[in-house]
Amino acid sequence: MHCSIWRFVGDPDDLERRYLALMTEVPEENNVLHAAAKTPDGLIMFDTCPSKEVFDDFFSGDEVKALFARHGLTGAQVEDFPVIAAYARRSRIDTLPWEDA
């Protein structure tokens, strides 16, 4: 499992609205582990993929770039790391079999 951390700098309330609008276009079943939080200077988003290769392929696609641009969510500082453990709803989820993305 791979986790990317996206940091958007700007008005936290404006970024929250943009993020929530973007997420209405993303099917909930696409999100195995995803979270976002407002920070004093913006918004931070955590997103997971089965692997770094899946992340790179997905987020380099024109459709995904257009989705973020349409909602004014550009210019993020993005970091990515391999996940050592992940939990959701009181269960470990990084050991679950992933479907092909």
PDB file of N, CA and C in Angstrom:
ATOM      1  N   MET A   1       0.850  -1.168   0.000  1.00  0.00           N
ATOM      2  CA  MET A   1       0.000   0.000   0.000  1.00  0.00           C
ATOM      3  C   MET A   1       0.899   1.235   0.000  1.00  0.00           C
ATOM      4  N   HIS A   2       0.445   2.274  -0.651  1.00  0.00           N
ATOM      5  CA  HIS A   2       1.177   3.521  -0.816  1.00  0.00           C
ATOM      6  C   HIS A   2       0.292   4.663  -0.333  1.00  0.00           C
ATOM      7  N   CYS A   3       0.859   5.624   0.391  1.00  0.00           N
ATOM      8  CA  CYS A   3       0.099   6.778   0.878  1.00  0.00           C
ATOM      9  C   CYS A   3       0.701   8.062   0.340  1.00  0.00           C
ATOM     10  N   SER A   4      -0.140   8.893  -0.227  1.00  0.00           N
ATOM     11  CA  SER A   4       0.310  10.213  -0.645  1.00  0.00           C
ATOM     12  C   SER A   4      -0.302  11.247   0.291  1.00  0.00           C
ATOM     13  N   ILE A   5       0.480  12.289   0.548  1.00  0.00           N
ATOM     14  CA  ILE A   5       0.045  13.387   1.398  1.00  0.00           C
ATOM     15  C   ILE A   5       0.072  14.645   0.537  1.00  0.00           C
ATOM     16  N   TRP A   6      -1.065  15.281   0.411  1.00  0.00           N
ATOM     17  CA  TRP A   6      -1.234  16.468  -0.427  1.00  0.00           C
ATOM     18  C   TRP A   6      -1.450  17.668   0.476  1.00  0.00           C
ATOM     19  N   ARG A   7      -0.640  18.702   0.316  1.00  0.00           N
ATOM     20  CA  ARG A   7      -0.772  19.922   1.118  1.00  0.00           C
ATOM     21  C   ARG A   7      -1.138  21.087   0.193  1.00  0.00           C
ATOM     22  N   PHE A   8      -2.312  21.647   0.448  1.00  0.00           N
ATOM     23  CA  PHE A   8      -2.786  22.809  -0.294  1.00  0.00           C
ATOM     24  C   PHE A   8      -2.713  24.018   0.638  1.00  0.00           C
ATOM     25  N   VAL A   9      -2.119  25.098   0.173  1.00  0.00           N
ATOM     26  CA  VAL A   9      -2.014  26.313   0.971  1.00  0.00           C
ATOM     27  C   VAL A   9      -3.010  27.335   0.438  1.00  0.00           C
ATOM     28  N   GLY A  10      -3.757  27.933   1.354  1.00  0.00           N
ATOM     29  CA  GLY A  10      -4.750  28.936   0.980  1.00  0.00           C
ATOM     30  C   GLY A  10      -5.788  29.063   2.073  1.00  0.00           C
ATOM     31  N   ASP A  11      -6.891  29.701   1.753  1.00  0.00           N
ATOM     32  CA  ASP A  11      -7.986  29.872   2.707  1.00  0.00           C
ATOM     33  C   ASP A  11      -8.576  28.491   3.030  1.00  0.00           C
ATOM     34  N   PRO A  12      -8.476  28.054   4.294  1.00  0.00           N
ATOM     35  CA  PRO A  12      -8.958  26.717   4.642  1.00  0.00           C
ATOM     36  C   PRO A  12     -10.438  26.486   4.315  1.00  0.00           C
ATOM     37  N   ASP A  13     -11.274  27.486   4.533  1.00  0.00           N
ATOM     38  CA  ASP A  13     -12.703  27.313   4.246  1.00  0.00           C
ATOM     39  C   ASP A  13     -12.958  27.166   2.745  1.00  0.00           C
ATOM     40  N   ASP A  14     -12.275  27.961   1.939  1.00  0.00           N
ATOM     41  CA  ASP A  14     -12.412  27.870   0.491  1.00  0.00           C
ATOM     42  C   ASP A  14     -11.902  26.512  -0.009  1.00  0.00           C
ATOM     43  N   LEU A  15     -10.758  26.087   0.497  1.00  0.00           N
ATOM     44  CA  LEU A  15     -10.212  24.794   0.080  1.00  0.00           C
ATOM     45  C   LEU A  15     -11.122  23.644   0.507  1.00  0.00           C
ATOM     46  N   GLU A  16     -11.732  23.764   1.677  1.00  0.00           N
ATOM     47  CA  GLU A  16     -12.677  22.732   2.121  1.00  0.00           C
ATOM     48  C   GLU A  16     -13.839  22.629   1.141  1.00  0.00           C
ATOM     49  N   ARG A  17     -14.407  23.752   0.735  1.00  0.00           N
ATOM     50  CA  ARG A  17     -15.526  23.727  -0.224  1.00  0.00           C
ATOM     51  C   ARG A  17     -15.095  23.099  -1.554  1.00  0.00           C
ATOM     52  N   ARG A  18     -13.915  23.472  -2.023  1.00  0.00           N
ATOM     53  CA  ARG A  18     -13.424  22.928  -3.292  1.00  0.00           C
ATOM     54  C   ARG A  18     -13.205  21.416  -3.186  1.00  0.00           C
ATOM     55  N   TYR A  19     -12.608  20.990  -2.083  1.00  0.00           N
ATOM     56  CA  TYR A  19     -12.354  19.562  -1.860  1.00  0.00           C
ATOM     57  C   TYR A  19     -13.674  18.782  -1.809  1.00  0.00           C
ATOM     58  N   LEU A  20     -14.633  19.269  -1.031  1.00  0.00           N
ATOM     59  CA  LEU A  20     -15.912  18.558  -0.914  1.00  0.00           C
ATOM     60  C   LEU A  20     -16.623  18.479  -2.264  1.00  0.00           C
ATOM     61  N   ALA A  21     -16.528  19.529  -3.074  1.00  0.00           N
ATOM     62  CA  ALA A  21     -17.119  19.500  -4.417  1.00  0.00           C
ATOM     63  C   ALA A  21     -16.410  18.466  -5.290  1.00  0.00           C
ATOM     64  N   LEU A  22     -15.079  18.417  -5.210  1.00  0.00           N
ATOM     65  CA  LEU A  22     -14.320  17.428  -5.974  1.00  0.00           C
ATOM     66  C   LEU A  22     -14.739  16.008  -5.588  1.00  0.00           C
ATOM     67  N   MET A  23     -14.894  15.781  -4.288  1.00  0.00           N
ATOM     68  CA  MET A  23     -15.203  14.424  -3.826  1.00  0.00           C
ATOM     69  C   MET A  23     -16.591  13.955  -4.234  1.00  0.00           C
ATOM     70  N   THR A  24     -17.493  14.868  -4.592  1.00  0.00           N
ATOM     71  CA  THR A  24     -18.799  14.427  -5.090  1.00  0.00           C
ATOM     72  C   THR A  24     -18.660  13.728  -6.437  1.00  0.00           C
ATOM     73  N   GLU A  25     -17.533  13.928  -7.114  1.00  0.00           N
ATOM     74  CA  GLU A  25     -17.299  13.307  -8.414  1.00  0.00           C
ATOM     75  C   GLU A  25     -16.482  12.015  -8.313  1.00  0.00           C
ATOM     76  N   VAL A  26     -16.075  11.648  -7.110  1.00  0.00           N
ATOM     77  CA  VAL A  26     -15.266  10.444  -6.908  1.00  0.00           C
ATOM     78  C   VAL A  26     -16.146   9.390  -6.239  1.00  0.00           C
ATOM     79  N   PRO A  27     -16.360   8.246  -6.879  1.00  0.00           N
ATOM     80  CA  PRO A  27     -17.184   7.209  -6.256  1.00  0.00           C
ATOM     81  C   PRO A  27     -16.609   6.779  -4.911  1.00  0.00           C
ATOM     82  N   GLU A  28     -17.467   6.696  -3.894  1.00  0.00           N
ATOM     83  CA  GLU A  28     -17.006   6.326  -2.550  1.00  0.00           C
ATOM     84  C   GLU A  28     -16.260   5.005  -2.543  1.00  0.00           C
ATOM     85  N   GLU A  29     -16.674   4.067  -3.378  1.00  0.00           N
ATOM     86  CA  GLU A  29     -16.015   2.750  -3.379  1.00  0.00           C
ATOM     87  C   GLU A  29     -14.571   2.820  -3.874  1.00  0.00           C
ATOM     88  N   ASN A  30     -14.170   3.940  -4.456  1.00  0.00           N
ATOM     89  CA  ASN A  30     -12.774   4.109  -4.877  1.00  0.00           C
ATOM     90  C   ASN A  30     -11.849   4.378  -3.693  1.00  0.00           C
ATOM     91  N   ASN A  31     -12.409   4.729  -2.553  1.00  0.00           N
ATOM     92  CA  ASN A  31     -11.606   5.148  -1.412  1.00  0.00           C
ATOM     93  C   ASN A  31     -11.507   4.045  -0.362  1.00  0.00           C
ATOM     94  N   VAL A  32     -10.389   3.336  -0.368  1.00  0.00           N
ATOM     95  CA  VAL A  32     -10.141   2.336   0.666  1.00  0.00           C
ATOM     96  C   VAL A  32      -9.717   3.037   1.955  1.00  0.00           C
ATOM     97  N   LEU A  33      -8.797   3.982   1.843  1.00  0.00           N
ATOM     98  CA  LEU A  33      -8.372   4.799   2.976  1.00  0.00           C
ATOM     99  C   LEU A  33      -8.059   6.189   2.440  1.00  0.00           C
ATOM    100  N   HIS A  34      -8.869   7.150   2.824  1.00  0.00           N
ATOM    101  CA  HIS A  34      -8.731   8.521   2.342  1.00  0.00           C
ATOM    102  C   HIS A  34      -9.218   9.435   3.453  1.00  0.00           C
ATOM    103  N   ALA A  35      -8.522  10.538   3.667  1.00  0.00           N
ATOM    104  CA  ALA A  35      -8.939  11.511   4.673  1.00  0.00           C
ATOM    105  C   ALA A  35      -8.438  12.886   4.273  1.00  0.00           C
ATOM    106  N   ALA A  36      -9.148  13.902   4.736  1.00  0.00           N
ATOM    107  CA  ALA A  36      -8.720  15.284   4.511  1.00  0.00           C
ATOM    108  C   ALA A  36      -8.983  16.062   5.790  1.00  0.00           C
ATOM    109  N   ALA A  37      -8.165  17.085   6.015  1.00  0.00           N
ATOM    110  CA  ALA A  37      -8.322  17.918   7.202  1.00  0.00           C
ATOM    111  C   ALA A  37      -7.940  19.349   6.873  1.00  0.00           C
ATOM    112  N   LYS A  38      -8.657  20.274   7.505  1.00  0.00           N
ATOM    113  CA  LYS A  38      -8.292  21.683   7.376  1.00  0.00           C
ATOM    114  C   LYS A  38      -7.111  21.949   8.300  1.00  0.00           C
ATOM    115  N   THR A  39      -6.194  22.773   7.840  1.00  0.00           N
ATOM    116  CA  THR A  39      -5.053  23.194   8.640  1.00  0.00           C
ATOM    117  C   THR A  39      -5.152  24.712   8.806  1.00  0.00           C
ATOM    118  N   PRO A  40      -4.353  25.291   9.679  1.00  0.00           N
ATOM    119  CA  PRO A  40      -4.421  26.742   9.845  1.00  0.00           C
ATOM    120  C   PRO A  40      -4.141  27.513   8.551  1.00  0.00           C
ATOM    121  N   ASP A  41      -3.346  26.916   7.650  1.00  0.00           N
ATOM    122  CA  ASP A  41      -2.999  27.615   6.412  1.00  0.00           C
ATOM    123  C   ASP A  41      -3.489  26.909   5.160  1.00  0.00           C
ATOM    124  N   GLY A  42      -4.465  25.983   5.283  1.00  0.00           N
ATOM    125  CA  GLY A  42      -4.965  25.323   4.083  1.00  0.00           C
ATOM    126  C   GLY A  42      -5.675  24.017   4.341  1.00  0.00           C
ATOM    127  N   LEU A  43      -5.282  23.004   3.579  1.00  0.00           N
ATOM    128  CA  LEU A  43      -5.933  21.698   3.629  1.00  0.00           C
ATOM    129  C   LEU A  43      -4.869  20.633   3.395  1.00  0.00           C
ATOM    130  N   ILE A  44      -5.003  19.517   4.087  1.00  0.00           N
ATOM    131  CA  ILE A  44      -4.116  18.387   3.872  1.00  0.00           C
ATOM    132  C   ILE A  44      -4.986  17.176   3.539  1.00  0.00           C
ATOM    133  N   MET A  45      -4.547  16.398   2.565  1.00  0.00           N
ATOM    134  CA  MET A  45      -5.297  15.234   2.107  1.00  0.00           C
ATOM    135  C   MET A  45      -4.385  14.019   2.137  1.00  0.00           C
ATOM    136  N   PHE A  46      -4.894  12.914   2.674  1.00  0.00           N
ATOM    137  CA  PHE A  46      -4.193  11.639   2.681  1.00  0.00           C
ATOM    138  C   PHE A  46      -4.937  10.697   1.749  1.00  0.00           C
ATOM    139  N   ASP A  47      -4.225  10.054   0.850  1.00  0.00           N
ATOM    140  CA  ASP A  47      -4.871   9.144  -0.089  1.00  0.00           C
ATOM    141  C   ASP A  47      -4.004   7.913  -0.267  1.00  0.00           C
ATOM    142  N   THR A  48      -4.621   6.754  -0.349  1.00  0.00           N
ATOM    143  CA  THR A  48      -3.857   5.521  -0.525  1.00  0.00           C
ATOM    144  C   THR A  48      -4.160   4.858  -1.856  1.00  0.00           C
ATOM    145  N   CYS A  49      -3.165   4.134  -2.341  1.00  0.00           N
ATOM    146  CA  CYS A  49      -3.268   3.316  -3.548  1.00  0.00           C
ATOM    147  C   CYS A  49      -2.574   1.987  -3.249  1.00  0.00           C
ATOM    148  N   PRO A  50      -2.857   0.971  -4.037  1.00  0.00           N
ATOM    149  CA  PRO A  50      -2.222  -0.326  -3.797  1.00  0.00           C
ATOM    150  C   PRO A  50      -0.695  -0.286  -3.907  1.00  0.00           C
ATOM    151  N   SER A  51      -0.177   0.627  -4.753  1.00  0.00           N
ATOM    152  CA  SER A  51       1.275   0.702  -4.950  1.00  0.00           C
ATOM    153  C   SER A  51       1.631   2.099  -5.470  1.00  0.00           C
ATOM    154  N   LYS A  52       2.912   2.413  -5.458  1.00  0.00           N
ATOM    155  CA  LYS A  52       3.373   3.691  -6.004  1.00  0.00           C
ATOM    156  C   LYS A  52       3.097   3.751  -7.499  1.00  0.00           C
ATOM    157  N   GLU A  53       3.245   2.645  -8.188  1.00  0.00           N
ATOM    158  CA  GLU A  53       2.994   2.611  -9.633  1.00  0.00           C
ATOM    159  C   GLU A  53       1.531   2.950  -9.943  1.00  0.00           C
ATOM    160  N   VAL A  54       0.603   2.404  -9.167  1.00  0.00           N
ATOM    161  CA  VAL A  54      -0.811   2.711  -9.371  1.00  0.00           C
ATOM    162  C   VAL A  54      -1.061   4.193  -9.105  1.00  0.00           C
ATOM    163  N   PHE A  55      -0.474   4.728  -8.041  1.00  0.00           N
ATOM    164  CA  PHE A  55      -0.590   6.156  -7.736  1.00  0.00           C
ATOM    165  C   PHE A  55      -0.075   6.991  -8.899  1.00  0.00           C
ATOM    166  N   ASP A  56       1.147   6.697  -9.354  1.00  0.00           N
ATOM    167  CA  ASP A  56       1.750   7.472 -10.443  1.00  0.00           C
ATOM    168  C   ASP A  56       0.891   7.432 -11.697  1.00  0.00           C
ATOM    169  N   ASP A  57       0.409   6.251 -12.069  1.00  0.00           N
ATOM    170  CA  ASP A  57      -0.436   6.118 -13.260  1.00  0.00           C
ATOM    171  C   ASP A  57      -1.748   6.889 -13.115  1.00  0.00           C
ATOM    172  N   PHE A  58      -2.387   6.747 -11.946  1.00  0.00           N
ATOM    173  CA  PHE A  58      -3.690   7.368 -11.735  1.00  0.00           C
ATOM    174  C   PHE A  58      -3.583   8.889 -11.723  1.00  0.00           C
ATOM    175  N   PHE A  59      -2.687   9.430 -10.912  1.00  0.00           N
ATOM    176  CA  PHE A  59      -2.632  10.875 -10.740  1.00  0.00           C
ATOM    177  C   PHE A  59      -1.897  11.599 -11.857  1.00  0.00           C
ATOM    178  N   SER A  60      -1.263  10.868 -12.758  1.00  0.00           N
ATOM    179  CA  SER A  60      -0.656  11.531 -13.914  1.00  0.00           C
ATOM    180  C   SER A  60      -1.615  11.574 -15.106  1.00  0.00           C
ATOM    181  N   GLY A  61      -2.772  10.935 -14.959  1.00  0.00           N
ATOM    182  CA  GLY A  61      -3.747  10.896 -16.051  1.00  0.00           C
ATOM    183  C   GLY A  61      -4.416  12.244 -16.278  1.00  0.00           C
ATOM    184  N   ASP A  62      -4.719  12.543 -17.522  1.00  0.00           N
ATOM    185  CA  ASP A  62      -5.338  13.817 -17.888  1.00  0.00           C
ATOM    186  C   ASP A  62      -6.691  14.023 -17.217  1.00  0.00           C
ATOM    187  N   GLU A  63      -7.470  12.945 -17.063  1.00  0.00           N
ATOM    188  CA  GLU A  63      -8.801  13.063 -16.465  1.00  0.00           C
ATOM    189  C   GLU A  63      -8.706  13.502 -14.996  1.00  0.00           C
ATOM    190  N   VAL A  64      -7.772  12.932 -14.262  1.00  0.00           N
ATOM    191  CA  VAL A  64      -7.610  13.296 -12.851  1.00  0.00           C
ATOM    192  C   VAL A  64      -7.053  14.714 -12.728  1.00  0.00           C
ATOM    193  N   LYS A  65      -6.096  15.053 -13.565  1.00  0.00           N
ATOM    194  CA  LYS A  65      -5.563  16.421 -13.548  1.00  0.00           C
ATOM    195  C   LYS A  65      -6.677  17.427 -13.828  1.00  0.00           C
ATOM    196  N   ALA A  66      -7.536  17.123 -14.789  1.00  0.00           N
ATOM    197  CA  ALA A  66      -8.648  18.018 -15.132  1.00  0.00           C
ATOM    198  C   ALA A  66      -9.641  18.127 -13.974  1.00  0.00           C
ATOM    199  N   LEU A  67      -9.895  17.029 -13.274  1.00  0.00           N
ATOM    200  CA  LEU A  67     -10.800  17.046 -12.128  1.00  0.00           C
ATOM    201  C   LEU A  67     -10.288  18.004 -11.058  1.00  0.00           C
ATOM    202  N   PHE A  68      -9.023  17.883 -10.696  1.00  0.00           N
ATOM    203  CA  PHE A  68      -8.452  18.774  -9.685  1.00  0.00           C
ATOM    204  C   PHE A  68      -8.456  20.221 -10.167  1.00  0.00           C
ATOM    205  N   ALA A  69      -8.110  20.447 -11.420  1.00  0.00           N
ATOM    206  CA  ALA A  69      -8.078  21.804 -11.969  1.00  0.00           C
ATOM    207  C   ALA A  69      -9.475  22.415 -11.988  1.00  0.00           C
ATOM    208  N   ARG A  70     -10.475  21.621 -12.356  1.00  0.00           N
ATOM    209  CA  ARG A  70     -11.856  22.107 -12.420  1.00  0.00           C
ATOM    210  C   ARG A  70     -12.314  22.631 -11.059  1.00  0.00           C
ATOM    211  N   HIS A  71     -11.771  22.077  -9.993  1.00  0.00           N
ATOM    212  CA  HIS A  71     -12.157  22.494  -8.645  1.00  0.00           C
ATOM    213  C   HIS A  71     -11.131  23.429  -8.007  1.00  0.00           C
ATOM    214  N   GLY A  72     -10.180  23.886  -8.803  1.00  0.00           N
ATOM    215  CA  GLY A  72      -9.204  24.841  -8.302  1.00  0.00           C
ATOM    216  C   GLY A  72      -8.245  24.259  -7.284  1.00  0.00           C
ATOM    217  N   LEU A  73      -8.036  22.966  -7.332  1.00  0.00           N
ATOM    218  CA  LEU A  73      -7.111  22.307  -6.415  1.00  0.00           C
ATOM    219  C   LEU A  73      -5.836  21.940  -7.168  1.00  0.00           C
ATOM    220  N   THR A  74      -5.018  22.938  -7.372  1.00  0.00           N
ATOM    221  CA  THR A  74      -3.764  22.757  -8.090  1.00  0.00           C
ATOM    222  C   THR A  74      -2.633  23.289  -7.224  1.00  0.00           C
ATOM    223  N   GLY A  75      -1.423  22.980  -7.614  1.00  0.00           N
ATOM    224  CA  GLY A  75      -0.261  23.500  -6.914  1.00  0.00           C
ATOM    225  C   GLY A  75       0.004  22.863  -5.572  1.00  0.00           C
ATOM    226  N   ALA A  76      -0.521  21.676  -5.341  1.00  0.00           N
ATOM    227  CA  ALA A  76      -0.297  21.005  -4.063  1.00  0.00           C
ATOM    228  C   ALA A  76       1.145  20.526  -3.951  1.00  0.00           C
ATOM    229  N   GLN A  77       1.643  20.544  -2.740  1.00  0.00           N
ATOM    230  CA  GLN A  77       2.905  19.870  -2.444  1.00  0.00           C
ATOM    231  C   GLN A  77       2.515  18.426  -2.156  1.00  0.00           C
ATOM    232  N   VAL A  78       3.083  17.481  -2.905  1.00  0.00           N
ATOM    233  CA  VAL A  78       2.707  16.074  -2.763  1.00  0.00           C
ATOM    234  C   VAL A  78       3.923  15.273  -2.316  1.00  0.00           C
ATOM    235  N   GLU A  79       3.735  14.504  -1.263  1.00  0.00           N
ATOM    236  CA  GLU A  79       4.749  13.575  -0.779  1.00  0.00           C
ATOM    237  C   GLU A  79       4.140  12.179  -0.835  1.00  0.00           C
ATOM    238  N   ASP A  80       4.963  11.164  -1.019  1.00  0.00           N
ATOM    239  CA  ASP A  80       4.430   9.812  -1.037  1.00  0.00           C
ATOM    240  C   ASP A  80       5.375   8.875  -0.294  1.00  0.00           C
ATOM    241  N   PHE A  81       4.742   7.898   0.381  1.00  0.00           N
ATOM    242  CA  PHE A  81       5.481   6.985   1.236  1.00  0.00           C
ATOM    243  C   PHE A  81       4.844   5.602   1.214  1.00  0.00           C
ATOM    244  N   PRO A  82       5.644   4.551   1.406  1.00  0.00           N
ATOM    245  CA  PRO A  82       5.049   3.230   1.577  1.00  0.00           C
ATOM    246  C   PRO A  82       4.379   3.155   2.959  1.00  0.00           C
ATOM    247  N   VAL A  83       3.237   2.518   3.001  1.00  0.00           N
ATOM    248  CA  VAL A  83       2.488   2.369   4.252  1.00  0.00           C
ATOM    249  C   VAL A  83       3.046   1.187   5.033  1.00  0.00           C
ATOM    250  N   ILE A  84       3.257   1.389   6.334  1.00  0.00           N
ATOM    251  CA  ILE A  84       3.709   0.271   7.174  1.00  0.00           C
ATOM    252  C   ILE A  84       2.540  -0.373   7.912  1.00  0.00           C
ATOM    253  N   ALA A  85       1.445   0.368   8.114  1.00  0.00           N
ATOM    254  CA  ALA A  85       0.223  -0.167   8.718  1.00  0.00           C
ATOM    255  C   ALA A  85      -0.883   0.852   8.494  1.00  0.00           C
ATOM    256  N   ALA A  86      -2.099   0.360   8.300  1.00  0.00           N
ATOM    257  CA  ALA A  86      -3.254   1.245   8.124  1.00  0.00           C
ATOM    258  C   ALA A  86      -4.468   0.614   8.796  1.00  0.00           C
ATOM    259  N   TYR A  87      -5.232   1.457   9.454  1.00  0.00           N
ATOM    260  CA  TYR A  87      -6.414   1.004  10.183  1.00  0.00           C
ATOM    261  C   TYR A  87      -7.605   1.878   9.806  1.00  0.00           C
ATOM    262  N   ALA A  88      -8.776   1.287   9.745  1.00  0.00           N
ATOM    263  CA  ALA A  88     -10.022   2.012   9.537  1.00  0.00           C
ATOM    264  C   ALA A  88     -11.143   1.204  10.186  1.00  0.00           C
ATOM    265  N   ARG A  89     -12.029   1.910  10.821  1.00  0.00           N
ATOM    266  CA  ARG A  89     -13.165   1.257  11.491  1.00  0.00           C
ATOM    267  C   ARG A  89     -12.714   0.115  12.397  1.00  0.00           C
ATOM    268  N   ARG A  90     -11.654   0.388  13.149  1.00  0.00           N
ATOM    269  CA  ARG A  90     -11.121  -0.531  14.155  1.00  0.00           C
ATOM    270  C   ARG A  90     -10.536  -1.820  13.580  1.00  0.00           C
ATOM    271  N   SER A  91     -10.182  -1.794  12.301  1.00  0.00           N
ATOM    272  CA  SER A  91      -9.602  -2.973  11.664  1.00  0.00           C
ATOM    273  C   SER A  91      -8.382  -2.578  10.852  1.00  0.00           C
ATOM    274  N   ARG A  92      -7.427  -3.470  10.817  1.00  0.00           N
ATOM    275  CA  ARG A  92      -6.264  -3.234   9.973  1.00  0.00           C
ATOM    276  C   ARG A  92      -6.664  -3.471   8.520  1.00  0.00           C
ATOM    277  N   ILE A  93      -6.309  -2.537   7.644  1.00  0.00           N
ATOM    278  CA  ILE A  93      -6.764  -2.653   6.257  1.00  0.00           C
ATOM    279  C   ILE A  93      -5.630  -2.778   5.252  1.00  0.00           C
ATOM    280  N   ASP A  94      -4.377  -2.567   5.657  1.00  0.00           N
ATOM    281  CA  ASP A  94      -3.291  -2.643   4.671  1.00  0.00           C
ATOM    282  C   ASP A  94      -2.977  -4.078   4.268  1.00  0.00           C
ATOM    283  N   THR A  95      -3.554  -5.051   4.953  1.00  0.00           N
ATOM    284  CA  THR A  95      -3.328  -6.454   4.606  1.00  0.00           C
ATOM    285  C   THR A  95      -4.455  -7.033   3.756  1.00  0.00           C
ATOM    286  N   LEU A  96      -5.487  -6.215   3.470  1.00  0.00           N
ATOM    287  CA  LEU A  96      -6.591  -6.683   2.641  1.00  0.00           C
ATOM    288  C   LEU A  96      -6.142  -6.813   1.192  1.00  0.00           C
ATOM    289  N   PRO A  97      -6.671  -7.774   0.467  1.00  0.00           N
ATOM    290  CA  PRO A  97      -6.339  -7.853  -0.960  1.00  0.00           C
ATOM    291  C   PRO A  97      -6.917  -6.655  -1.693  1.00  0.00           C
ATOM    292  N   TRP A  98      -6.116  -6.085  -2.573  1.00  0.00           N
ATOM    293  CA  TRP A  98      -6.553  -4.932  -3.361  1.00  0.00           C
ATOM    294  C   TRP A  98      -7.058  -5.419  -4.702  1.00  0.00           C
ATOM    295  N   GLU A  99      -8.096  -4.750  -5.184  1.00  0.00           N
ATOM    296  CA  GLU A  99      -8.538  -4.995  -6.540  1.00  0.00           C
ATOM    297  C   GLU A  99      -7.676  -4.146  -7.464  1.00  0.00           C
ATOM    298  N   ASP A 100      -7.573  -4.549  -8.696  1.00  0.00           N
ATOM    299  CA  ASP A 100      -6.831  -3.729  -9.661  1.00  0.00           C
ATOM    300  C   ASP A 100      -7.494  -2.378  -9.773  1.00  0.00           C
ATOM    301  N   ALA A 101      -6.676  -1.338  -9.745  1.00  0.00           N
ATOM    302  CA  ALA A 101      -7.231   0.030  -9.832  1.00  0.00           C
ATOM    303  C   ALA A 101      -7.545   0.365 -11.264  1.00  0.00           C
TER     304      ALA A 101
END
